[in-house]
Every structure is written in C-alpha cells, then in structure tokens.
C-alpha cells in the first residue's frame, strides 16, 4: 500500500510538471534585455526597447500586475503560459505604468517623460518606450528595475550605441550611456577590407610562385 501511495504521488507530480504549457518561472533562465538608442531625427528622444527573457516570466509578471488570473502560477512555482498572455499583458495600462515606473531615463539630472508604444508582438519584439528629454540627450542615465521587484536575482542584458553593453542587476540598477559616439566610416572600412583581401591574395600568389621555382630548381 505504501508503494502504491508513493507511486500515485510521483505520477501526480509528473503530470503537473510535464503538462503542456507548464514551466517553472525563475530568474536563472534566459535574461530579459533592453536596447537603448537615440533618434537622429529627434535628438531629444531616447528610445528603450524592453524584451522579456522567458515567456513564463511574462505570465508571472501578468499575474503580479493583476492582468492574469492567479491560478496560472501554482504554489510550487510552475507557470502555465498561454499564447494570449502576451496580448493581455501588452494591452493593459498597468503594464505600461509598470514599465514607466521600473525603467527611467535622466538627462542632465532631469527625468525624461516616457511614452509606451502599443506592443504589436510583446512576446517576440518586446515593448518600446520613447523618452522626451526636451533637449538633445547626449549623455543619459538609464535605470532598469523590471522583474527585480519580483525576485532580486533577475538580470537584464543591455545594449547601446556603438556596441556598448552593460548588465543591470538589483544591486546595480543604473548605468550611464553615451548617445553621441562617433559613427563608423563605412567607406574607409570597406576600403580597408578590400585592401586586406587583395593583399592576402597577392601574398598567397607570391608564395605559390616561390614554391614552384624551388621545385623546378630541385628537379
């Protein structure tokens, strides 16, 4: 009887963890990301694009915001993601307010006002936020605290202009970015690449000629 009872418990556990759409949301999976860039046509605007790492984390956030029902997250941490979750969270004003509260931009010590664009595909493309800094924003301080209010172990990988990168954590939620870095010179770069290729071809040709001459002399 004891073995039957144990087998029943194991079977139930397997059913829960292997059920379609079930996952365990935790901060140690794929990290969330943010991309920070300026707008050449509007130098006073800074755009931040936020994207969740795992879709189960998106469901967890939706439950925390009251957008999704609480039974989507079980007591053992299993999360049941559905395709409709992204649309429900993305269209909610609570989600927009959350992003504006957790992601902030400051320029010259002043906080920039943000506007969240309506996400067309939150799961794949994320959400874009435009921050109006009123004056050209060359050096900005961007703070990212998304999801760390749910668990401080969450991290955010960030990319910026010129290939700049940073990692946001609960202990380091703020980072300074330069939006006026020098743009790479495409023409000179292309010329350099062509020159390198031509030089490599000539080097190989010269080496082959030298080897053939030595073989002829030996013969």
N, C-alpha and C. Protein backbone atom coordinates (compact mmCIF):
# COMPACT_ATOMS: atom_id res chain seq x y z
N UNK A 1 0.83 -1.20 0.00
CA UNK A 1 0.00 0.00 0.00
C UNK A 1 0.87 1.26 0.00
N UNK A 2 1.98 1.19 0.77
CA UNK A 2 2.85 2.37 0.81
C UNK A 2 3.44 2.66 -0.57
N UNK A 3 3.83 1.56 -1.25
CA UNK A 3 4.44 1.76 -2.57
C UNK A 3 3.42 2.30 -3.56
N UNK A 4 2.15 1.83 -3.44
CA UNK A 4 1.11 2.34 -4.31
C UNK A 4 0.87 3.83 -4.07
N UNK A 5 0.86 4.21 -2.78
CA UNK A 5 0.66 5.62 -2.45
C UNK A 5 1.80 6.48 -2.98
N UNK A 6 3.04 5.97 -2.85
CA UNK A 6 4.18 6.72 -3.35
C UNK A 6 4.13 6.84 -4.86
N UNK A 7 3.74 5.78 -5.53
CA UNK A 7 3.63 5.82 -6.98
C UNK A 7 2.58 6.82 -7.43
N UNK A 8 1.50 6.91 -6.67
CA UNK A 8 0.44 7.86 -7.01
C UNK A 8 0.94 9.30 -6.89
N UNK A 9 1.71 9.56 -5.82
CA UNK A 9 2.26 10.91 -5.61
C UNK A 9 3.21 11.28 -6.74
N UNK A 10 4.09 10.33 -7.13
CA UNK A 10 5.05 10.58 -8.20
C UNK A 10 4.32 10.84 -9.51
N UNK A 11 3.28 10.04 -9.77
CA UNK A 11 2.52 10.22 -11.01
C UNK A 11 1.86 11.58 -11.06
N UNK A 12 1.32 12.04 -9.95
CA UNK A 12 0.69 13.37 -9.91
C UNK A 12 1.72 14.47 -10.15
N UNK A 13 2.89 14.28 -9.55
CA UNK A 13 3.93 15.30 -9.72
C UNK A 13 4.37 15.37 -11.16
N UNK A 14 4.54 14.19 -11.79
CA UNK A 14 4.94 14.18 -13.19
C UNK A 14 3.88 14.84 -14.06
N UNK A 15 2.62 14.61 -13.75
CA UNK A 15 1.53 15.20 -14.52
C UNK A 15 1.55 16.71 -14.44
N UNK A 16 1.88 17.24 -13.27
CA UNK A 16 1.91 18.69 -13.09
C UNK A 16 3.07 19.31 -13.85
N UNK A 17 4.27 18.72 -13.69
CA UNK A 17 5.46 19.33 -14.27
C UNK A 17 5.57 19.09 -15.77
N UNK A 18 4.92 18.06 -16.28
CA UNK A 18 5.01 17.75 -17.70
C UNK A 18 3.77 18.17 -18.48
N UNK A 19 2.85 18.84 -17.83
CA UNK A 19 1.63 19.27 -18.52
C UNK A 19 1.97 20.27 -19.60
N UNK A 20 1.25 20.26 -20.74
CA UNK A 20 1.54 21.21 -21.83
C UNK A 20 1.42 22.65 -21.35
N UNK A 21 2.40 23.45 -21.72
CA UNK A 21 2.36 24.86 -21.36
C UNK A 21 2.89 25.15 -19.97
N UNK A 22 3.28 24.13 -19.24
CA UNK A 22 3.75 24.36 -17.87
C UNK A 22 5.25 24.58 -17.87
N UNK A 23 5.71 25.52 -17.07
CA UNK A 23 7.13 25.78 -16.92
C UNK A 23 7.36 26.35 -15.54
N UNK A 24 8.61 26.33 -15.12
CA UNK A 24 8.94 26.88 -13.81
C UNK A 24 9.62 28.23 -14.02
N UNK A 25 8.91 29.29 -13.69
CA UNK A 25 9.47 30.63 -13.86
C UNK A 25 10.51 30.90 -12.78
N UNK A 26 11.66 31.31 -13.19
CA UNK A 26 12.72 31.65 -12.24
C UNK A 26 13.67 32.62 -12.92
N UNK A 27 14.47 33.33 -12.17
CA UNK A 27 15.34 34.35 -12.76
C UNK A 27 16.64 33.81 -13.34
N UNK A 28 16.78 32.49 -13.42
CA UNK A 28 18.04 31.93 -13.89
C UNK A 28 17.94 31.36 -15.30
N UNK A 29 16.85 31.68 -16.00
CA UNK A 29 16.71 31.26 -17.39
C UNK A 29 17.25 32.33 -18.32
N UNK A 30 16.66 32.45 -19.50
CA UNK A 30 17.07 33.49 -20.44
C UNK A 30 16.84 34.86 -19.83
N UNK A 31 17.83 35.74 -19.85
CA UNK A 31 17.67 37.07 -19.23
C UNK A 31 16.83 38.00 -20.07
N UNK A 32 16.18 38.93 -19.43
CA UNK A 32 15.48 40.00 -20.14
C UNK A 32 16.52 40.92 -20.76
N UNK A 33 16.12 41.69 -21.76
CA UNK A 33 17.05 42.56 -22.46
C UNK A 33 16.44 43.95 -22.65
N UNK A 34 17.31 44.94 -22.77
CA UNK A 34 16.91 46.28 -23.16
C UNK A 34 17.90 46.78 -24.20
N UNK A 35 17.38 47.50 -25.19
CA UNK A 35 18.21 48.14 -26.21
C UNK A 35 17.98 49.64 -26.12
N UNK A 36 19.06 50.40 -26.01
CA UNK A 36 18.98 51.85 -25.80
C UNK A 36 19.58 52.55 -27.01
N UNK A 37 18.85 53.50 -27.57
CA UNK A 37 19.34 54.21 -28.75
C UNK A 37 18.74 55.61 -28.81
N UNK A 38 19.43 56.48 -29.52
CA UNK A 38 18.92 57.82 -29.77
C UNK A 38 18.15 57.86 -31.08
N UNK A 39 17.54 58.99 -31.34
CA UNK A 39 16.79 59.20 -32.58
C UNK A 39 17.44 60.35 -33.33
N UNK A 40 18.14 60.07 -34.46
CA UNK A 40 18.82 61.15 -35.19
C UNK A 40 17.89 62.26 -35.62
N UNK A 41 16.63 61.93 -35.91
CA UNK A 41 15.68 62.95 -36.34
C UNK A 41 15.16 63.77 -35.17
N UNK A 42 15.21 63.18 -33.97
CA UNK A 42 14.74 63.89 -32.77
C UNK A 42 15.79 63.69 -31.67
N UNK A 43 16.81 64.52 -31.63
CA UNK A 43 17.93 64.33 -30.69
C UNK A 43 17.52 64.41 -29.23
N UNK A 44 16.33 64.90 -28.96
CA UNK A 44 15.87 64.98 -27.56
C UNK A 44 15.20 63.69 -27.10
N UNK A 45 15.04 62.73 -27.99
CA UNK A 45 14.31 61.50 -27.68
C UNK A 45 15.29 60.33 -27.49
N UNK A 46 15.04 59.56 -26.46
CA UNK A 46 15.79 58.33 -26.19
C UNK A 46 14.80 57.17 -26.23
N UNK A 47 15.13 56.17 -27.00
CA UNK A 47 14.24 55.00 -27.10
C UNK A 47 14.84 53.82 -26.37
N UNK A 48 14.02 53.17 -25.57
CA UNK A 48 14.41 51.96 -24.85
C UNK A 48 13.44 50.85 -25.24
N UNK A 49 13.98 49.76 -25.74
CA UNK A 49 13.13 48.61 -26.08
C UNK A 49 13.39 47.49 -25.07
N UNK A 50 12.33 47.11 -24.38
CA UNK A 50 12.42 46.05 -23.35
C UNK A 50 11.82 44.76 -23.90
N UNK A 51 12.50 43.65 -23.61
CA UNK A 51 12.01 42.35 -24.05
C UNK A 51 12.22 41.34 -22.95
N UNK A 52 11.18 40.57 -22.63
CA UNK A 52 11.26 39.58 -21.58
C UNK A 52 12.14 38.43 -22.03
N UNK A 53 12.78 37.75 -21.08
CA UNK A 53 13.64 36.63 -21.43
C UNK A 53 12.86 35.37 -21.72
N UNK A 54 12.04 34.95 -20.76
CA UNK A 54 11.23 33.75 -20.92
C UNK A 54 9.75 34.10 -20.90
N UNK A 55 8.97 33.43 -21.70
CA UNK A 55 7.54 33.72 -21.75
C UNK A 55 6.86 33.40 -20.43
N UNK A 56 7.40 32.44 -19.67
CA UNK A 56 6.83 32.15 -18.36
C UNK A 56 7.01 33.34 -17.41
N UNK A 57 8.11 34.09 -17.61
CA UNK A 57 8.30 35.31 -16.80
C UNK A 57 7.27 36.37 -17.16
N UNK A 58 6.85 36.39 -18.42
CA UNK A 58 5.82 37.33 -18.83
C UNK A 58 4.49 36.99 -18.16
N UNK A 59 4.21 35.70 -18.05
CA UNK A 59 2.99 35.28 -17.35
C UNK A 59 3.08 35.63 -15.87
N UNK A 60 4.23 35.39 -15.27
CA UNK A 60 4.42 35.73 -13.85
C UNK A 60 4.20 37.22 -13.61
N UNK A 61 4.72 38.05 -14.51
CA UNK A 61 4.53 39.49 -14.39
C UNK A 61 3.07 39.85 -14.53
N UNK A 62 2.38 39.21 -15.48
CA UNK A 62 0.97 39.49 -15.68
C UNK A 62 0.13 39.15 -14.46
N UNK A 63 0.49 38.06 -13.78
CA UNK A 63 -0.22 37.69 -12.54
C UNK A 63 0.06 38.72 -11.46
N UNK A 64 1.33 39.14 -11.34
CA UNK A 64 1.69 40.13 -10.32
C UNK A 64 0.99 41.46 -10.54
N UNK A 65 0.75 41.81 -11.79
CA UNK A 65 0.07 43.08 -12.10
C UNK A 65 -1.44 42.96 -12.01
N UNK A 66 -1.95 41.75 -11.82
CA UNK A 66 -3.39 41.56 -11.74
C UNK A 66 -4.05 41.49 -13.11
N UNK A 67 -3.26 41.32 -14.15
CA UNK A 67 -3.81 41.22 -15.50
C UNK A 67 -4.24 39.79 -15.82
N UNK A 68 -3.51 38.81 -15.28
CA UNK A 68 -3.82 37.40 -15.50
C UNK A 68 -4.28 36.77 -14.18
N UNK A 69 -5.07 35.71 -14.25
CA UNK A 69 -5.56 35.07 -13.02
C UNK A 69 -4.44 34.42 -12.22
N UNK A 70 -4.60 34.41 -10.91
CA UNK A 70 -3.55 33.89 -10.03
C UNK A 70 -3.33 32.39 -10.19
N UNK A 71 -4.34 31.66 -10.65
CA UNK A 71 -4.17 30.21 -10.76
C UNK A 71 -3.25 29.81 -11.90
N UNK A 72 -2.72 30.78 -12.66
CA UNK A 72 -1.75 30.48 -13.71
C UNK A 72 -0.38 30.17 -13.12
N UNK A 73 -0.17 30.55 -11.88
CA UNK A 73 1.07 30.23 -11.18
C UNK A 73 0.72 29.37 -9.98
N UNK A 74 1.23 28.13 -9.95
CA UNK A 74 0.93 27.22 -8.86
C UNK A 74 1.82 27.50 -7.65
N UNK A 75 1.46 26.90 -6.53
CA UNK A 75 2.21 27.13 -5.30
C UNK A 75 3.64 26.63 -5.40
N UNK A 76 3.87 25.60 -6.23
CA UNK A 76 5.23 25.06 -6.36
C UNK A 76 6.06 25.84 -7.37
N UNK A 77 5.50 26.91 -7.94
CA UNK A 77 6.25 27.75 -8.87
C UNK A 77 6.02 27.44 -10.33
N UNK A 78 5.28 26.38 -10.64
CA UNK A 78 5.00 26.06 -12.04
C UNK A 78 4.11 27.13 -12.64
N UNK A 79 4.44 27.53 -13.86
CA UNK A 79 3.71 28.60 -14.55
C UNK A 79 3.12 28.05 -15.84
N UNK A 80 1.86 28.38 -16.11
CA UNK A 80 1.19 27.94 -17.31
C UNK A 80 1.04 29.12 -18.26
N UNK A 81 1.93 29.19 -19.27
CA UNK A 81 1.89 30.26 -20.25
C UNK A 81 0.92 29.90 -21.38
N UNK A 82 0.15 30.88 -21.82
CA UNK A 82 -0.72 30.73 -22.98
C UNK A 82 -0.39 31.82 -23.99
N UNK A 83 -0.64 31.53 -25.26
CA UNK A 83 -0.32 32.50 -26.30
C UNK A 83 -1.05 33.82 -26.12
N UNK A 84 -2.19 33.78 -25.47
CA UNK A 84 -2.97 35.01 -25.28
C UNK A 84 -2.41 35.89 -24.16
N UNK A 85 -1.45 35.37 -23.39
CA UNK A 85 -0.91 36.14 -22.27
C UNK A 85 -0.21 37.41 -22.75
N UNK A 86 0.56 37.30 -23.82
CA UNK A 86 1.31 38.47 -24.31
C UNK A 86 0.38 39.59 -24.71
N UNK A 87 -0.71 39.26 -25.40
CA UNK A 87 -1.66 40.29 -25.84
C UNK A 87 -2.36 40.91 -24.64
N UNK A 88 -2.71 40.07 -23.66
CA UNK A 88 -3.41 40.58 -22.48
C UNK A 88 -2.52 41.52 -21.67
N UNK A 89 -1.26 41.15 -21.50
CA UNK A 89 -0.34 41.99 -20.73
C UNK A 89 0.01 43.25 -21.51
N UNK A 90 0.31 43.10 -22.80
CA UNK A 90 0.74 44.24 -23.60
C UNK A 90 -0.31 45.32 -23.75
N UNK A 91 -1.58 44.95 -23.76
CA UNK A 91 -2.65 45.93 -23.94
C UNK A 91 -3.12 46.55 -22.63
N UNK A 92 -2.57 46.10 -21.52
CA UNK A 92 -3.02 46.59 -20.22
C UNK A 92 -2.33 47.91 -19.84
N UNK A 93 -3.08 48.90 -19.39
CA UNK A 93 -2.46 50.15 -18.90
C UNK A 93 -1.56 49.90 -17.69
N UNK A 94 -1.84 48.83 -16.94
CA UNK A 94 -0.99 48.51 -15.79
C UNK A 94 0.42 48.15 -16.23
N UNK A 95 0.50 47.47 -17.37
CA UNK A 95 1.82 47.10 -17.88
C UNK A 95 2.59 48.34 -18.32
N UNK A 96 1.93 49.25 -19.00
CA UNK A 96 2.58 50.49 -19.42
C UNK A 96 3.06 51.30 -18.21
N UNK A 97 2.21 51.39 -17.19
CA UNK A 97 2.60 52.10 -15.97
C UNK A 97 3.78 51.42 -15.29
N UNK A 98 3.79 50.10 -15.34
CA UNK A 98 4.89 49.34 -14.72
C UNK A 98 6.22 49.65 -15.41
N UNK A 99 6.21 49.64 -16.73
CA UNK A 99 7.45 49.93 -17.46
C UNK A 99 7.96 51.34 -17.17
N UNK A 100 7.05 52.31 -17.14
CA UNK A 100 7.47 53.68 -16.88
C UNK A 100 7.99 53.87 -15.46
N UNK A 101 7.50 53.04 -14.54
CA UNK A 101 7.97 53.13 -13.16
C UNK A 101 9.31 52.42 -12.98
N UNK A 102 9.50 51.31 -13.69
CA UNK A 102 10.70 50.50 -13.48
C UNK A 102 11.84 50.85 -14.42
N UNK A 103 11.55 51.54 -15.53
CA UNK A 103 12.60 51.96 -16.46
C UNK A 103 12.55 53.48 -16.56
N UNK A 104 13.61 54.13 -16.14
CA UNK A 104 13.64 55.60 -16.14
C UNK A 104 14.88 56.10 -16.86
N UNK A 105 14.75 57.29 -17.43
CA UNK A 105 15.86 57.93 -18.15
C UNK A 105 16.02 59.34 -17.63
N UNK A 106 17.28 59.71 -17.35
CA UNK A 106 17.59 61.06 -16.89
C UNK A 106 18.66 61.65 -17.80
N UNK A 107 18.47 62.93 -18.13
CA UNK A 107 19.43 63.66 -18.94
C UNK A 107 19.73 64.99 -18.27
N UNK A 108 21.01 65.25 -18.04
CA UNK A 108 21.43 66.48 -17.34
C UNK A 108 20.75 66.61 -15.98
N UNK A 109 20.54 65.48 -15.33
CA UNK A 109 19.95 65.48 -14.00
C UNK A 109 18.44 65.53 -13.97
N UNK A 110 17.80 65.75 -15.12
CA UNK A 110 16.34 65.84 -15.17
C UNK A 110 15.76 64.54 -15.72
N UNK A 111 14.63 64.13 -15.15
CA UNK A 111 13.98 62.90 -15.60
C UNK A 111 13.19 63.17 -16.88
N UNK A 112 13.33 62.27 -17.83
CA UNK A 112 12.65 62.40 -19.12
C UNK A 112 11.30 61.71 -19.07
N UNK A 113 10.30 62.32 -19.68
CA UNK A 113 8.95 61.76 -19.70
C UNK A 113 8.86 60.66 -20.74
N UNK A 114 8.32 59.51 -20.33
CA UNK A 114 8.26 58.36 -21.22
C UNK A 114 6.86 58.08 -21.75
N UNK A 115 6.82 57.52 -22.94
CA UNK A 115 5.57 57.10 -23.56
C UNK A 115 5.75 55.69 -24.11
N UNK A 116 4.89 54.78 -23.69
CA UNK A 116 4.98 53.38 -24.11
C UNK A 116 4.15 53.18 -25.37
N UNK A 117 4.78 52.68 -26.43
CA UNK A 117 4.05 52.38 -27.66
C UNK A 117 3.27 51.09 -27.48
N UNK A 118 2.12 51.01 -28.10
CA UNK A 118 1.30 49.81 -28.00
C UNK A 118 2.03 48.63 -28.64
N UNK A 119 2.41 47.61 -27.86
CA UNK A 119 3.18 46.50 -28.43
C UNK A 119 2.35 45.70 -29.43
N UNK A 120 2.93 45.48 -30.61
CA UNK A 120 2.25 44.67 -31.63
C UNK A 120 2.50 43.18 -31.39
N UNK A 121 3.68 42.86 -30.89
CA UNK A 121 4.03 41.47 -30.61
C UNK A 121 4.95 41.46 -29.40
N UNK A 122 4.37 41.53 -28.21
CA UNK A 122 5.15 41.66 -26.99
C UNK A 122 6.08 40.47 -26.77
N UNK A 123 5.63 39.27 -27.11
CA UNK A 123 6.42 38.08 -26.87
C UNK A 123 7.70 38.06 -27.70
N UNK A 124 7.62 38.50 -28.95
CA UNK A 124 8.78 38.41 -29.84
C UNK A 124 9.55 39.72 -29.96
N UNK A 125 8.85 40.82 -30.07
CA UNK A 125 9.51 42.11 -30.32
C UNK A 125 9.68 42.95 -29.06
N UNK A 126 8.96 42.63 -28.00
CA UNK A 126 9.06 43.42 -26.79
C UNK A 126 8.25 44.70 -26.86
N UNK A 127 8.56 45.63 -25.98
CA UNK A 127 7.84 46.90 -25.90
C UNK A 127 8.82 48.06 -26.03
N UNK A 128 8.43 49.09 -26.77
CA UNK A 128 9.28 50.26 -26.98
C UNK A 128 8.77 51.44 -26.17
N UNK A 129 9.71 52.17 -25.56
CA UNK A 129 9.38 53.34 -24.76
C UNK A 129 10.20 54.52 -25.28
N UNK A 130 9.53 55.61 -25.64
CA UNK A 130 10.21 56.83 -26.06
C UNK A 130 10.22 57.82 -24.91
N UNK A 131 11.41 58.32 -24.59
CA UNK A 131 11.58 59.29 -23.51
C UNK A 131 11.94 60.65 -24.10
N UNK A 132 11.13 61.64 -23.80
CA UNK A 132 11.35 63.00 -24.28
C UNK A 132 12.13 63.77 -23.22
N UNK A 133 13.37 64.10 -23.55
CA UNK A 133 14.24 64.80 -22.60
C UNK A 133 14.25 66.31 -22.82
N UNK A 134 13.42 66.82 -23.75
CA UNK A 134 13.21 68.25 -24.01
C UNK A 134 14.42 68.92 -24.65
N UNK A 135 15.60 68.43 -24.42
CA UNK A 135 16.82 68.98 -25.02
C UNK A 135 17.63 67.82 -25.56
N UNK A 136 18.55 68.08 -26.50
CA UNK A 136 19.36 66.99 -27.05
C UNK A 136 19.99 66.14 -25.95
N UNK A 137 19.73 64.85 -26.01
CA UNK A 137 20.22 63.92 -24.99
C UNK A 137 21.48 63.23 -25.49
N UNK A 138 22.62 63.72 -25.07
CA UNK A 138 23.90 63.15 -25.48
C UNK A 138 24.42 62.14 -24.46
N UNK A 139 24.28 62.49 -23.20
CA UNK A 139 24.67 61.61 -22.11
C UNK A 139 23.45 61.38 -21.23
N UNK A 140 23.07 60.13 -21.05
CA UNK A 140 21.88 59.83 -20.27
C UNK A 140 22.18 58.75 -19.24
N UNK A 141 21.38 58.75 -18.19
CA UNK A 141 21.43 57.71 -17.18
C UNK A 141 20.14 56.92 -17.25
N UNK A 142 20.26 55.64 -17.52
CA UNK A 142 19.09 54.77 -17.67
C UNK A 142 19.08 53.77 -16.52
N UNK A 143 17.97 53.72 -15.81
CA UNK A 143 17.79 52.76 -14.72
C UNK A 143 16.77 51.71 -15.15
N UNK A 144 17.07 50.45 -14.87
CA UNK A 144 16.20 49.34 -15.22
C UNK A 144 15.99 48.47 -13.98
N UNK A 145 14.73 48.38 -13.55
CA UNK A 145 14.40 47.59 -12.36
C UNK A 145 13.27 46.60 -12.65
N UNK A 146 13.02 46.30 -13.91
CA UNK A 146 11.95 45.37 -14.26
C UNK A 146 12.26 43.97 -13.74
N UNK A 147 11.25 43.34 -13.16
CA UNK A 147 11.26 41.98 -12.63
C UNK A 147 12.07 41.81 -11.35
N UNK A 148 13.00 42.72 -11.07
CA UNK A 148 13.75 42.56 -9.82
C UNK A 148 12.87 42.82 -8.60
N UNK A 149 11.72 43.45 -8.81
CA UNK A 149 10.78 43.61 -7.70
C UNK A 149 10.09 42.30 -7.39
N UNK A 150 10.09 41.37 -8.36
CA UNK A 150 9.53 40.04 -8.12
C UNK A 150 10.58 39.09 -7.54
N UNK A 151 11.80 39.24 -8.00
CA UNK A 151 12.91 38.44 -7.49
C UNK A 151 14.20 39.19 -7.77
N UNK A 152 14.98 39.52 -6.75
CA UNK A 152 16.19 40.32 -6.97
C UNK A 152 17.27 39.62 -7.78
N UNK A 153 17.09 38.33 -8.07
CA UNK A 153 18.10 37.60 -8.83
C UNK A 153 17.98 37.83 -10.34
N UNK A 154 16.90 38.48 -10.78
CA UNK A 154 16.75 38.75 -12.21
C UNK A 154 17.85 39.70 -12.68
N UNK A 155 18.29 39.50 -13.91
CA UNK A 155 19.30 40.36 -14.54
C UNK A 155 18.79 40.83 -15.89
N UNK A 156 19.36 41.92 -16.37
CA UNK A 156 18.99 42.48 -17.66
C UNK A 156 20.25 42.76 -18.47
N UNK A 157 20.30 42.20 -19.67
CA UNK A 157 21.41 42.48 -20.58
C UNK A 157 21.03 43.68 -21.44
N UNK A 158 21.89 44.68 -21.47
CA UNK A 158 21.59 45.92 -22.18
C UNK A 158 22.61 46.17 -23.28
N UNK A 159 22.13 46.73 -24.39
CA UNK A 159 23.00 47.14 -25.49
C UNK A 159 22.70 48.59 -25.82
N UNK A 160 23.73 49.31 -26.27
CA UNK A 160 23.58 50.71 -26.59
C UNK A 160 24.30 51.08 -27.86
N UNK A 161 24.38 52.37 -28.17
CA UNK A 161 25.04 52.83 -29.40
C UNK A 161 26.51 52.42 -29.44
N UNK A 162 26.98 52.15 -30.66
CA UNK A 162 28.39 51.81 -30.84
C UNK A 162 28.79 50.47 -30.27
N UNK A 163 27.82 49.59 -30.02
CA UNK A 163 28.13 48.28 -29.48
C UNK A 163 28.36 48.26 -27.98
N UNK A 164 28.03 49.35 -27.29
CA UNK A 164 28.21 49.39 -25.84
C UNK A 164 27.27 48.39 -25.17
N UNK A 165 27.75 47.79 -24.07
CA UNK A 165 26.96 46.78 -23.37
C UNK A 165 27.05 47.00 -21.87
N UNK A 166 26.04 46.51 -21.17
CA UNK A 166 26.01 46.61 -19.71
C UNK A 166 25.07 45.53 -19.18
N UNK A 167 25.22 45.24 -17.90
CA UNK A 167 24.36 44.27 -17.22
C UNK A 167 23.71 44.97 -16.03
N UNK A 168 22.39 44.98 -16.01
CA UNK A 168 21.65 45.56 -14.89
C UNK A 168 21.31 44.46 -13.90
N UNK A 169 21.49 44.76 -12.62
CA UNK A 169 21.11 43.85 -11.55
C UNK A 169 20.37 44.64 -10.47
N UNK A 170 19.86 43.93 -9.48
CA UNK A 170 19.17 44.61 -8.39
C UNK A 170 20.14 45.49 -7.59
N UNK A 171 21.41 45.11 -7.57
CA UNK A 171 22.42 45.90 -6.86
C UNK A 171 23.00 47.01 -7.73
N UNK A 172 22.86 46.90 -9.03
CA UNK A 172 23.36 47.93 -9.95
C UNK A 172 22.29 48.22 -10.98
N UNK A 173 21.24 48.95 -10.58
CA UNK A 173 20.11 49.18 -11.49
C UNK A 173 20.28 50.36 -12.43
N UNK A 174 21.41 51.08 -12.34
CA UNK A 174 21.57 52.30 -13.13
C UNK A 174 22.87 52.25 -13.92
N UNK A 175 22.84 52.85 -15.12
CA UNK A 175 24.04 52.86 -15.97
C UNK A 175 24.01 54.10 -16.85
N UNK A 176 25.20 54.68 -17.09
CA UNK A 176 25.34 55.86 -17.93
C UNK A 176 25.65 55.45 -19.37
N UNK A 177 24.98 56.13 -20.31
CA UNK A 177 25.14 55.81 -21.73
C UNK A 177 25.49 57.07 -22.52
N UNK A 178 26.33 56.91 -23.52
CA UNK A 178 26.67 58.00 -24.42
C UNK A 178 25.95 57.76 -25.74
N UNK A 179 25.15 58.73 -26.16
CA UNK A 179 24.38 58.59 -27.40
C UNK A 179 24.98 59.36 -28.56
N UNK A 180 26.11 60.02 -28.35
CA UNK A 180 26.71 60.85 -29.41
C UNK A 180 28.08 60.34 -29.81
N UNK A 181 28.27 59.01 -29.74
CA UNK A 181 29.55 58.44 -30.13
C UNK A 181 29.79 58.59 -31.62
N UNK A 182 31.05 58.62 -32.06
CA UNK A 182 31.35 58.78 -33.48
C UNK A 182 30.87 57.60 -34.29
N UNK A 183 30.24 57.89 -35.43
CA UNK A 183 29.74 56.82 -36.29
C UNK A 183 30.89 56.24 -37.10
N UNK A 184 30.89 54.93 -37.32
CA UNK A 184 31.96 54.32 -38.11
C UNK A 184 31.93 54.79 -39.55
N UNK A 185 33.10 54.98 -40.17
CA UNK A 185 33.20 55.42 -41.55
C UNK A 185 33.09 54.21 -42.47
N UNK A 186 31.93 54.09 -43.08
CA UNK A 186 31.66 52.91 -43.89
C UNK A 186 32.61 52.81 -45.08
N UNK A 187 32.86 53.95 -45.74
CA UNK A 187 33.71 53.93 -46.92
C UNK A 187 35.11 53.46 -46.61
N UNK A 188 35.75 54.05 -45.59
CA UNK A 188 37.11 53.67 -45.25
C UNK A 188 37.17 52.24 -44.74
N UNK A 189 36.13 51.84 -44.04
CA UNK A 189 36.11 50.47 -43.54
C UNK A 189 36.04 49.48 -44.68
N UNK A 190 35.20 49.79 -45.68
CA UNK A 190 35.08 48.90 -46.83
C UNK A 190 36.39 48.85 -47.61
N UNK A 191 37.02 50.03 -47.78
CA UNK A 191 38.29 50.08 -48.50
C UNK A 191 39.35 49.26 -47.78
N UNK A 192 39.34 49.35 -46.45
CA UNK A 192 40.30 48.58 -45.67
C UNK A 192 40.09 47.09 -45.84
N UNK A 193 38.82 46.66 -45.85
CA UNK A 193 38.54 45.24 -46.02
C UNK A 193 38.97 44.76 -47.40
N UNK A 194 38.70 45.58 -48.45
CA UNK A 194 39.09 45.19 -49.80
C UNK A 194 40.61 45.11 -49.90
N UNK A 195 41.31 46.10 -49.29
CA UNK A 195 42.76 46.09 -49.32
C UNK A 195 43.33 44.87 -48.64
N UNK A 196 42.71 44.47 -47.53
CA UNK A 196 43.19 43.30 -46.82
C UNK A 196 43.02 42.04 -47.65
N UNK A 197 41.88 41.95 -48.35
CA UNK A 197 41.63 40.77 -49.19
C UNK A 197 42.62 40.70 -50.34
N UNK A 198 42.83 41.85 -51.03
CA UNK A 198 43.77 41.89 -52.15
C UNK A 198 45.17 41.54 -51.68
N UNK A 199 45.56 42.11 -50.53
CA UNK A 199 46.88 41.81 -50.01
C UNK A 199 47.07 40.35 -49.71
N UNK A 200 46.00 39.72 -49.16
CA UNK A 200 46.08 38.30 -48.87
C UNK A 200 46.21 37.46 -50.12
N UNK A 201 45.49 37.85 -51.17
CA UNK A 201 45.58 37.11 -52.45
C UNK A 201 46.98 37.22 -53.03
N UNK A 202 47.55 38.43 -53.02
CA UNK A 202 48.90 38.62 -53.56
C UNK A 202 49.93 37.82 -52.76
N UNK A 203 49.73 37.76 -51.44
CA UNK A 203 50.67 37.01 -50.60
C UNK A 203 50.63 35.53 -50.95
N UNK A 204 49.43 35.00 -51.12
CA UNK A 204 49.29 33.58 -51.48
C UNK A 204 49.89 33.31 -52.85
N UNK A 205 49.63 34.20 -53.81
CA UNK A 205 50.17 34.02 -55.16
C UNK A 205 51.69 34.03 -55.14
N UNK A 206 52.27 34.95 -54.37
CA UNK A 206 53.72 35.01 -54.28
C UNK A 206 54.31 33.76 -53.67
N UNK A 207 53.66 33.22 -52.66
CA UNK A 207 54.14 32.01 -52.01
C UNK A 207 54.09 30.82 -52.96
N UNK A 208 53.01 30.71 -53.73
CA UNK A 208 52.89 29.61 -54.69
C UNK A 208 53.98 29.70 -55.75
N UNK A 209 54.24 30.92 -56.26
CA UNK A 209 55.28 31.10 -57.27
C UNK A 209 56.64 30.68 -56.74
N UNK A 210 56.94 31.06 -55.49
CA UNK A 210 58.23 30.73 -54.90
C UNK A 210 58.39 29.22 -54.75
N UNK A 211 57.35 28.53 -54.34
CA UNK A 211 57.41 27.08 -54.18
C UNK A 211 57.64 26.39 -55.52
N UNK A 212 56.95 26.85 -56.58
CA UNK A 212 57.12 26.26 -57.90
C UNK A 212 58.55 26.44 -58.42
N UNK A 213 59.14 27.62 -58.18
CA UNK A 213 60.51 27.86 -58.63
C UNK A 213 61.49 26.92 -57.93
N UNK A 214 61.29 26.70 -56.63
CA UNK A 214 62.18 25.82 -55.89
C UNK A 214 62.07 24.38 -56.40
N UNK A 215 60.84 23.95 -56.71
CA UNK A 215 60.67 22.59 -57.22
C UNK A 215 61.36 22.40 -58.57
N UNK A 216 61.30 23.46 -59.43
CA UNK A 216 61.95 23.36 -60.73
C UNK A 216 63.45 23.25 -60.59
N UNK A 217 64.02 24.05 -59.65
CA UNK A 217 65.46 24.00 -59.44
C UNK A 217 65.89 22.64 -58.91
N UNK A 218 65.08 22.07 -58.02
CA UNK A 218 65.41 20.77 -57.45
C UNK A 218 65.37 19.67 -58.51
N UNK A 219 64.37 19.79 -59.42
CA UNK A 219 64.21 18.79 -60.45
C UNK A 219 65.35 18.90 -61.46
